[in-house]
Amino acid sequence: MCNNTDTESCRCIAEILAIINVLQQNACTAETCLDTCDRGFLGCGTNSLNCNTRPVMLYLCNGTPLSMPTTKDNTVCGVEGAACSNVFRVEKLDGCCCTLRVLAPNTDTTSEFPYVSTNSFFTMNLNCVCCLRCLSDTYVECL
């Protein structure tokens, strides 16, 4: 799959991201389902707001988690002090081309939600991804 120009090679990850995108756009709750990336609902506890995000991590073909800046400046991830994150929200999917929003760790220690929305977006060719990891559904403000 790595750097493969065949559009069929990104199908499994693209299909899961498409499902996540639809679920986020139509966030609803349900009581029971397998806890997999493509489960048919976004769920939060009964004592909180409905979830609107299924955060994901993407791993490159060398096994490294993808990390992107949380701001639109010319920050380079990997440099000491750089504000980067490896947690993302699917925003748009078009074939093997996926636009994701960078989610930053929530620094508000009183919040029950682990991430905050950023205005940092990137578009990625899914042929460069070999692994997708879904994190617990959550609510992200300002989406």
N, C-alpha and C. Protein backbone atom coordinates (compact mmCIF):
# COMPACT_ATOMS: atom_id res chain seq x y z
N MET A 1 0.81 -1.18 0.00
CA MET A 1 0.00 0.00 0.00
C MET A 1 0.87 1.26 0.00
N CYS A 2 2.05 1.21 0.57
CA CYS A 2 2.89 2.40 0.71
C CYS A 2 3.31 2.95 -0.64
N ASN A 3 3.00 4.21 -0.86
CA ASN A 3 3.38 4.92 -2.08
C ASN A 3 2.92 4.20 -3.34
N ASN A 4 1.89 3.44 -3.24
CA ASN A 4 1.32 2.72 -4.37
C ASN A 4 0.40 3.67 -5.11
N THR A 5 0.52 3.75 -6.41
CA THR A 5 -0.32 4.66 -7.18
C THR A 5 -1.65 4.04 -7.56
N ASP A 6 -1.85 2.77 -7.25
CA ASP A 6 -3.09 2.09 -7.54
C ASP A 6 -4.16 2.57 -6.56
N THR A 7 -5.23 3.20 -7.07
CA THR A 7 -6.26 3.75 -6.18
C THR A 7 -7.00 2.67 -5.41
N GLU A 8 -6.96 1.43 -5.84
CA GLU A 8 -7.62 0.35 -5.12
C GLU A 8 -6.88 0.01 -3.83
N SER A 9 -5.61 0.35 -3.73
CA SER A 9 -4.81 -0.06 -2.58
C SER A 9 -5.19 0.67 -1.30
N CYS A 10 -5.86 1.80 -1.39
CA CYS A 10 -6.23 2.54 -0.18
C CYS A 10 -7.65 2.23 0.26
N ARG A 11 -8.30 1.30 -0.41
CA ARG A 11 -9.73 1.08 -0.21
C ARG A 11 -10.12 0.79 1.23
N CYS A 12 -9.43 -0.10 1.95
CA CYS A 12 -9.90 -0.49 3.29
C CYS A 12 -9.87 0.69 4.25
N ILE A 13 -8.81 1.48 4.25
CA ILE A 13 -8.73 2.63 5.14
C ILE A 13 -9.70 3.71 4.67
N ALA A 14 -9.79 3.94 3.37
CA ALA A 14 -10.70 4.96 2.84
C ALA A 14 -12.15 4.64 3.19
N GLU A 15 -12.54 3.37 3.10
CA GLU A 15 -13.91 2.99 3.42
C GLU A 15 -14.22 3.21 4.90
N ILE A 16 -13.29 2.89 5.77
CA ILE A 16 -13.51 3.12 7.21
C ILE A 16 -13.59 4.61 7.50
N LEU A 17 -12.71 5.41 6.90
CA LEU A 17 -12.75 6.85 7.12
C LEU A 17 -14.04 7.45 6.57
N ALA A 18 -14.56 6.92 5.49
CA ALA A 18 -15.83 7.40 4.94
C ALA A 18 -16.96 7.13 5.94
N ILE A 19 -16.97 5.96 6.55
CA ILE A 19 -17.98 5.63 7.56
C ILE A 19 -17.86 6.58 8.74
N ILE A 20 -16.65 6.80 9.22
CA ILE A 20 -16.43 7.71 10.35
C ILE A 20 -16.94 9.10 10.00
N ASN A 21 -16.66 9.56 8.80
CA ASN A 21 -17.09 10.89 8.38
C ASN A 21 -18.62 10.99 8.41
N VAL A 22 -19.33 10.00 7.88
CA VAL A 22 -20.80 10.01 7.89
C VAL A 22 -21.31 9.99 9.32
N LEU A 23 -20.72 9.16 10.17
CA LEU A 23 -21.16 9.08 11.56
C LEU A 23 -20.98 10.41 12.28
N GLN A 24 -19.87 11.07 12.03
CA GLN A 24 -19.63 12.36 12.67
C GLN A 24 -20.63 13.40 12.19
N GLN A 25 -20.98 13.33 10.91
CA GLN A 25 -21.95 14.29 10.37
C GLN A 25 -23.36 14.02 10.89
N ASN A 26 -23.64 12.79 11.24
CA ASN A 26 -24.97 12.41 11.72
C ASN A 26 -24.88 11.76 13.10
N ALA A 27 -24.14 12.39 13.99
CA ALA A 27 -23.87 11.80 15.31
C ALA A 27 -25.17 11.41 16.00
N CYS A 28 -25.20 10.15 16.43
CA CYS A 28 -26.36 9.63 17.16
C CYS A 28 -25.84 8.68 18.22
N THR A 29 -26.73 8.20 19.07
CA THR A 29 -26.31 7.29 20.13
C THR A 29 -27.02 5.95 19.99
N ALA A 30 -26.41 4.93 20.54
CA ALA A 30 -27.00 3.60 20.60
C ALA A 30 -26.44 2.90 21.83
N GLU A 31 -27.07 1.84 22.24
CA GLU A 31 -26.68 1.18 23.48
C GLU A 31 -25.63 0.09 23.30
N THR A 32 -25.73 -0.70 22.25
CA THR A 32 -24.81 -1.82 22.10
C THR A 32 -24.25 -1.90 20.70
N CYS A 33 -22.98 -2.20 20.61
CA CYS A 33 -22.32 -2.40 19.33
C CYS A 33 -20.87 -2.78 19.61
N LEU A 34 -20.24 -3.47 18.68
CA LEU A 34 -18.83 -3.79 18.84
C LEU A 34 -18.02 -2.48 18.86
N ASP A 35 -16.99 -2.44 19.64
CA ASP A 35 -16.17 -1.24 19.77
C ASP A 35 -15.09 -1.23 18.70
N THR A 36 -15.49 -1.11 17.43
CA THR A 36 -14.57 -1.09 16.31
C THR A 36 -14.62 0.27 15.63
N CYS A 37 -13.67 0.53 14.74
CA CYS A 37 -13.63 1.81 14.03
C CYS A 37 -14.89 2.08 13.23
N ASP A 38 -15.47 1.03 12.66
CA ASP A 38 -16.63 1.24 11.79
C ASP A 38 -17.95 0.89 12.46
N ARG A 39 -18.00 0.91 13.80
CA ARG A 39 -19.27 0.66 14.48
C ARG A 39 -20.26 1.75 14.08
N GLY A 40 -21.53 1.42 14.08
CA GLY A 40 -22.56 2.26 13.49
C GLY A 40 -23.06 3.42 14.32
N PHE A 41 -22.35 3.84 15.33
CA PHE A 41 -22.81 5.00 16.10
C PHE A 41 -21.62 5.66 16.77
N LEU A 42 -21.80 6.92 17.11
CA LEU A 42 -20.84 7.61 17.97
C LEU A 42 -21.45 7.60 19.35
N GLY A 43 -20.70 7.16 20.33
CA GLY A 43 -21.28 7.05 21.67
C GLY A 43 -20.47 7.75 22.73
N CYS A 44 -21.16 8.35 23.65
CA CYS A 44 -20.56 8.92 24.86
C CYS A 44 -21.36 8.38 26.02
N GLY A 45 -20.90 8.67 27.20
CA GLY A 45 -21.64 8.25 28.38
C GLY A 45 -22.98 8.96 28.45
N THR A 46 -23.90 8.42 29.23
CA THR A 46 -25.24 8.99 29.33
C THR A 46 -25.24 10.32 30.09
N ASN A 47 -24.16 10.63 30.80
CA ASN A 47 -24.11 11.86 31.59
C ASN A 47 -23.41 13.00 30.86
N SER A 48 -23.15 12.87 29.57
CA SER A 48 -22.42 13.90 28.84
C SER A 48 -23.12 14.25 27.53
N LEU A 49 -22.56 15.24 26.85
CA LEU A 49 -23.07 15.62 25.54
C LEU A 49 -22.91 14.47 24.57
N ASN A 50 -23.71 14.47 23.52
CA ASN A 50 -23.53 13.47 22.47
C ASN A 50 -22.17 13.64 21.82
N CYS A 51 -21.57 12.55 21.45
CA CYS A 51 -20.27 12.60 20.79
C CYS A 51 -20.44 13.12 19.36
N ASN A 52 -19.44 13.84 18.88
CA ASN A 52 -19.47 14.33 17.51
C ASN A 52 -18.18 14.00 16.76
N THR A 53 -17.28 13.26 17.41
CA THR A 53 -15.98 12.97 16.80
C THR A 53 -15.50 11.58 17.18
N ARG A 54 -14.99 10.87 16.18
CA ARG A 54 -14.27 9.62 16.42
C ARG A 54 -12.81 9.92 16.07
N PRO A 55 -11.99 10.30 17.06
CA PRO A 55 -10.59 10.64 16.78
C PRO A 55 -9.83 9.44 16.23
N VAL A 56 -8.93 9.73 15.30
CA VAL A 56 -8.13 8.66 14.70
C VAL A 56 -6.65 9.03 14.74
N MET A 57 -5.84 8.00 14.73
CA MET A 57 -4.40 8.15 14.54
C MET A 57 -4.07 7.39 13.26
N LEU A 58 -3.18 7.94 12.46
CA LEU A 58 -2.75 7.30 11.22
C LEU A 58 -1.28 6.94 11.34
N TYR A 59 -0.93 5.77 10.87
CA TYR A 59 0.45 5.30 10.92
C TYR A 59 0.99 5.18 9.51
N LEU A 60 2.17 5.71 9.30
CA LEU A 60 2.83 5.62 8.00
C LEU A 60 3.35 4.21 7.80
N CYS A 61 3.77 3.91 6.60
CA CYS A 61 4.19 2.55 6.27
C CYS A 61 5.43 2.09 7.02
N ASN A 62 6.20 3.02 7.60
CA ASN A 62 7.36 2.63 8.40
C ASN A 62 6.99 2.43 9.87
N GLY A 63 5.67 2.51 10.20
CA GLY A 63 5.20 2.29 11.56
C GLY A 63 5.16 3.53 12.43
N THR A 64 5.56 4.66 11.90
CA THR A 64 5.58 5.91 12.65
C THR A 64 4.20 6.57 12.63
N PRO A 65 3.70 7.01 13.80
CA PRO A 65 2.43 7.74 13.79
C PRO A 65 2.61 9.09 13.10
N LEU A 66 1.66 9.44 12.24
CA LEU A 66 1.70 10.74 11.57
C LEU A 66 1.46 11.83 12.60
N SER A 67 2.25 12.87 12.55
CA SER A 67 2.12 14.01 13.46
C SER A 67 2.09 15.28 12.63
N MET A 68 1.16 16.17 12.97
CA MET A 68 1.00 17.42 12.23
C MET A 68 0.92 18.59 13.22
N PRO A 69 1.32 19.80 12.77
CA PRO A 69 1.26 20.99 13.63
C PRO A 69 -0.18 21.33 14.01
N THR A 70 -0.35 21.88 15.19
CA THR A 70 -1.68 22.29 15.66
C THR A 70 -2.00 23.72 15.25
N THR A 71 -1.07 24.40 14.60
CA THR A 71 -1.28 25.77 14.13
C THR A 71 -0.95 25.84 12.65
N LYS A 72 -1.33 26.96 12.02
CA LYS A 72 -1.08 27.13 10.58
C LYS A 72 0.25 27.81 10.29
N ASP A 73 1.04 28.09 11.31
CA ASP A 73 2.35 28.70 11.05
C ASP A 73 3.29 27.65 10.47
N ASN A 74 4.53 27.97 10.28
CA ASN A 74 5.45 27.03 9.64
C ASN A 74 6.16 26.12 10.64
N THR A 75 5.42 25.66 11.64
CA THR A 75 5.94 24.72 12.63
C THR A 75 6.34 23.40 11.95
N VAL A 76 7.46 22.85 12.39
CA VAL A 76 7.92 21.56 11.89
C VAL A 76 7.85 20.57 13.06
N CYS A 77 7.06 19.53 12.88
CA CYS A 77 6.94 18.52 13.94
C CYS A 77 8.27 17.80 14.09
N GLY A 78 8.60 17.43 15.30
CA GLY A 78 9.86 16.76 15.59
C GLY A 78 10.91 17.71 16.14
N VAL A 79 10.68 19.01 15.99
CA VAL A 79 11.59 20.02 16.54
C VAL A 79 11.14 20.30 17.97
N GLU A 80 12.08 20.37 18.88
CA GLU A 80 11.76 20.59 20.29
C GLU A 80 10.90 21.83 20.46
N GLY A 81 9.82 21.69 21.22
CA GLY A 81 8.92 22.80 21.50
C GLY A 81 7.83 23.01 20.45
N ALA A 82 7.85 22.23 19.39
CA ALA A 82 6.84 22.37 18.34
C ALA A 82 5.50 21.86 18.84
N ALA A 83 4.43 22.61 18.58
CA ALA A 83 3.07 22.21 18.98
C ALA A 83 2.50 21.31 17.88
N CYS A 84 2.54 20.01 18.13
CA CYS A 84 2.07 19.03 17.14
C CYS A 84 1.17 18.01 17.83
N SER A 85 0.39 17.32 17.01
CA SER A 85 -0.49 16.28 17.53
C SER A 85 -0.54 15.14 16.52
N ASN A 86 -0.84 13.95 17.02
CA ASN A 86 -1.02 12.81 16.12
C ASN A 86 -2.45 12.27 16.20
N VAL A 87 -3.37 13.15 16.63
CA VAL A 87 -4.78 12.80 16.71
C VAL A 87 -5.56 13.71 15.76
N PHE A 88 -6.44 13.09 14.95
CA PHE A 88 -7.11 13.83 13.89
C PHE A 88 -8.60 13.52 13.84
N ARG A 89 -9.34 14.42 13.18
CA ARG A 89 -10.77 14.24 12.92
C ARG A 89 -10.98 14.25 11.41
N VAL A 90 -11.69 13.27 10.88
CA VAL A 90 -11.99 13.22 9.46
C VAL A 90 -12.95 14.36 9.14
N GLU A 91 -12.62 15.14 8.11
CA GLU A 91 -13.50 16.23 7.69
C GLU A 91 -14.08 16.00 6.30
N LYS A 92 -13.32 15.35 5.41
CA LYS A 92 -13.79 15.14 4.04
C LYS A 92 -13.02 13.97 3.44
N LEU A 93 -13.70 13.21 2.60
CA LEU A 93 -13.06 12.09 1.93
C LEU A 93 -13.49 12.07 0.48
N ASP A 94 -12.52 11.98 -0.41
CA ASP A 94 -12.79 11.91 -1.85
C ASP A 94 -11.87 10.85 -2.44
N GLY A 95 -12.37 9.63 -2.56
CA GLY A 95 -11.54 8.53 -3.03
C GLY A 95 -10.42 8.25 -2.03
N CYS A 96 -9.18 8.30 -2.49
CA CYS A 96 -8.01 8.07 -1.63
C CYS A 96 -7.48 9.37 -1.03
N CYS A 97 -8.19 10.45 -1.21
CA CYS A 97 -7.76 11.76 -0.72
C CYS A 97 -8.61 12.13 0.49
N CYS A 98 -7.99 12.34 1.63
CA CYS A 98 -8.72 12.60 2.88
C CYS A 98 -8.24 13.91 3.49
N THR A 99 -9.20 14.77 3.86
CA THR A 99 -8.89 16.00 4.58
C THR A 99 -9.18 15.77 6.05
N LEU A 100 -8.20 16.07 6.89
CA LEU A 100 -8.32 15.84 8.32
C LEU A 100 -8.03 17.14 9.08
N ARG A 101 -8.67 17.26 10.24
CA ARG A 101 -8.43 18.37 11.15
C ARG A 101 -7.53 17.86 12.27
N VAL A 102 -6.54 18.64 12.64
CA VAL A 102 -5.67 18.29 13.74
C VAL A 102 -6.39 18.61 15.05
N LEU A 103 -6.43 17.63 15.96
CA LEU A 103 -7.00 17.85 17.29
C LEU A 103 -5.85 18.00 18.27
N ALA A 104 -5.96 19.00 19.14
CA ALA A 104 -4.92 19.25 20.13
C ALA A 104 -5.35 18.69 21.48
N PRO A 105 -4.40 18.30 22.30
CA PRO A 105 -4.75 17.87 23.66
C PRO A 105 -5.43 19.01 24.41
N ASN A 106 -6.47 18.70 25.16
CA ASN A 106 -7.19 19.71 25.93
C ASN A 106 -6.39 20.02 27.19
N THR A 107 -6.00 21.27 27.35
CA THR A 107 -5.21 21.68 28.51
C THR A 107 -6.09 22.08 29.70
N ASP A 108 -7.41 22.12 29.50
CA ASP A 108 -8.35 22.44 30.58
C ASP A 108 -8.52 21.20 31.45
N THR A 109 -7.93 21.21 32.62
CA THR A 109 -7.96 20.03 33.50
C THR A 109 -9.34 19.77 34.08
N THR A 110 -10.27 20.71 33.96
CA THR A 110 -11.62 20.50 34.48
C THR A 110 -12.55 19.90 33.43
N SER A 111 -12.09 19.82 32.18
CA SER A 111 -12.93 19.30 31.11
C SER A 111 -12.88 17.78 31.08
N GLU A 112 -14.01 17.18 30.72
CA GLU A 112 -14.05 15.72 30.58
C GLU A 112 -13.64 15.27 29.18
N PHE A 113 -13.40 16.23 28.28
CA PHE A 113 -13.09 15.91 26.90
C PHE A 113 -11.60 16.06 26.63
N PRO A 114 -10.98 15.06 26.02
CA PRO A 114 -9.52 15.03 25.89
C PRO A 114 -8.93 15.91 24.78
N TYR A 115 -9.76 16.38 23.82
CA TYR A 115 -9.21 17.12 22.68
C TYR A 115 -9.97 18.42 22.44
N VAL A 116 -9.28 19.35 21.82
CA VAL A 116 -9.90 20.59 21.37
C VAL A 116 -9.67 20.72 19.86
N SER A 117 -10.58 21.43 19.23
CA SER A 117 -10.51 21.65 17.79
C SER A 117 -9.41 22.67 17.48
N THR A 118 -8.74 22.49 16.35
CA THR A 118 -7.79 23.49 15.86
C THR A 118 -8.25 23.93 14.47
N ASN A 119 -7.63 24.96 13.95
CA ASN A 119 -7.88 25.39 12.58
C ASN A 119 -6.78 24.90 11.65
N SER A 120 -6.11 23.85 12.07
CA SER A 120 -5.05 23.25 11.26
C SER A 120 -5.61 22.03 10.54
N PHE A 121 -5.58 22.06 9.22
CA PHE A 121 -6.10 20.99 8.37
C PHE A 121 -5.00 20.51 7.45
N PHE A 122 -5.12 19.29 6.98
CA PHE A 122 -4.22 18.80 5.94
C PHE A 122 -4.98 17.77 5.11
N THR A 123 -4.54 17.60 3.88
CA THR A 123 -5.12 16.62 2.98
C THR A 123 -4.05 15.58 2.69
N MET A 124 -4.44 14.33 2.78
CA MET A 124 -3.48 13.24 2.68
C MET A 124 -3.93 12.21 1.66
N ASN A 125 -2.98 11.69 0.92
CA ASN A 125 -3.21 10.56 0.04
C ASN A 125 -3.16 9.31 0.91
N LEU A 126 -4.24 8.57 0.98
CA LEU A 126 -4.30 7.41 1.87
C LEU A 126 -3.41 6.26 1.42
N ASN A 127 -2.83 6.35 0.23
CA ASN A 127 -1.85 5.34 -0.18
C ASN A 127 -0.62 5.39 0.70
N CYS A 128 -0.42 6.48 1.43
CA CYS A 128 0.75 6.63 2.30
C CYS A 128 0.50 6.09 3.71
N VAL A 129 -0.71 5.60 3.98
CA VAL A 129 -1.10 5.12 5.31
C VAL A 129 -1.20 3.61 5.30
N CYS A 130 -0.66 2.97 6.34
CA CYS A 130 -0.79 1.52 6.39
C CYS A 130 -1.61 1.06 7.58
N CYS A 131 -1.89 1.96 8.54
CA CYS A 131 -2.63 1.54 9.72
C CYS A 131 -3.46 2.70 10.24
N LEU A 132 -4.65 2.38 10.71
CA LEU A 132 -5.58 3.34 11.28
C LEU A 132 -5.93 2.88 12.68
N ARG A 133 -5.84 3.79 13.64
CA ARG A 133 -6.22 3.46 15.02
C ARG A 133 -7.31 4.43 15.45
N CYS A 134 -8.44 3.89 15.88
CA CYS A 134 -9.53 4.72 16.36
C CYS A 134 -9.41 4.86 17.87
N LEU A 135 -9.65 6.07 18.35
CA LEU A 135 -9.64 6.35 19.77
C LEU A 135 -11.10 6.46 20.25
N SER A 136 -11.30 6.59 21.52
CA SER A 136 -12.66 6.65 22.06
C SER A 136 -13.41 7.85 21.51
N ASP A 137 -14.67 7.63 21.14
CA ASP A 137 -15.52 8.72 20.68
C ASP A 137 -15.58 9.81 21.75
N THR A 138 -15.70 11.04 21.29
CA THR A 138 -15.71 12.15 22.21
C THR A 138 -16.48 13.32 21.63
N TYR A 139 -16.65 14.33 22.42
CA TYR A 139 -17.26 15.59 21.97
C TYR A 139 -16.12 16.60 21.84
N VAL A 140 -16.09 17.30 20.71
CA VAL A 140 -15.10 18.36 20.50
C VAL A 140 -15.88 19.63 20.23
N GLU A 141 -15.64 20.67 21.03
CA GLU A 141 -16.33 21.95 20.86
C GLU A 141 -15.88 22.66 19.59
N CYS A 142 -16.71 23.56 19.13
CA CYS A 142 -16.42 24.47 18.00
C CYS A 142 -16.22 23.74 16.68
N LEU A 143 -17.00 22.71 16.43
CA LEU A 143 -16.93 22.03 15.13
C LEU A 143 -18.16 22.38 14.32
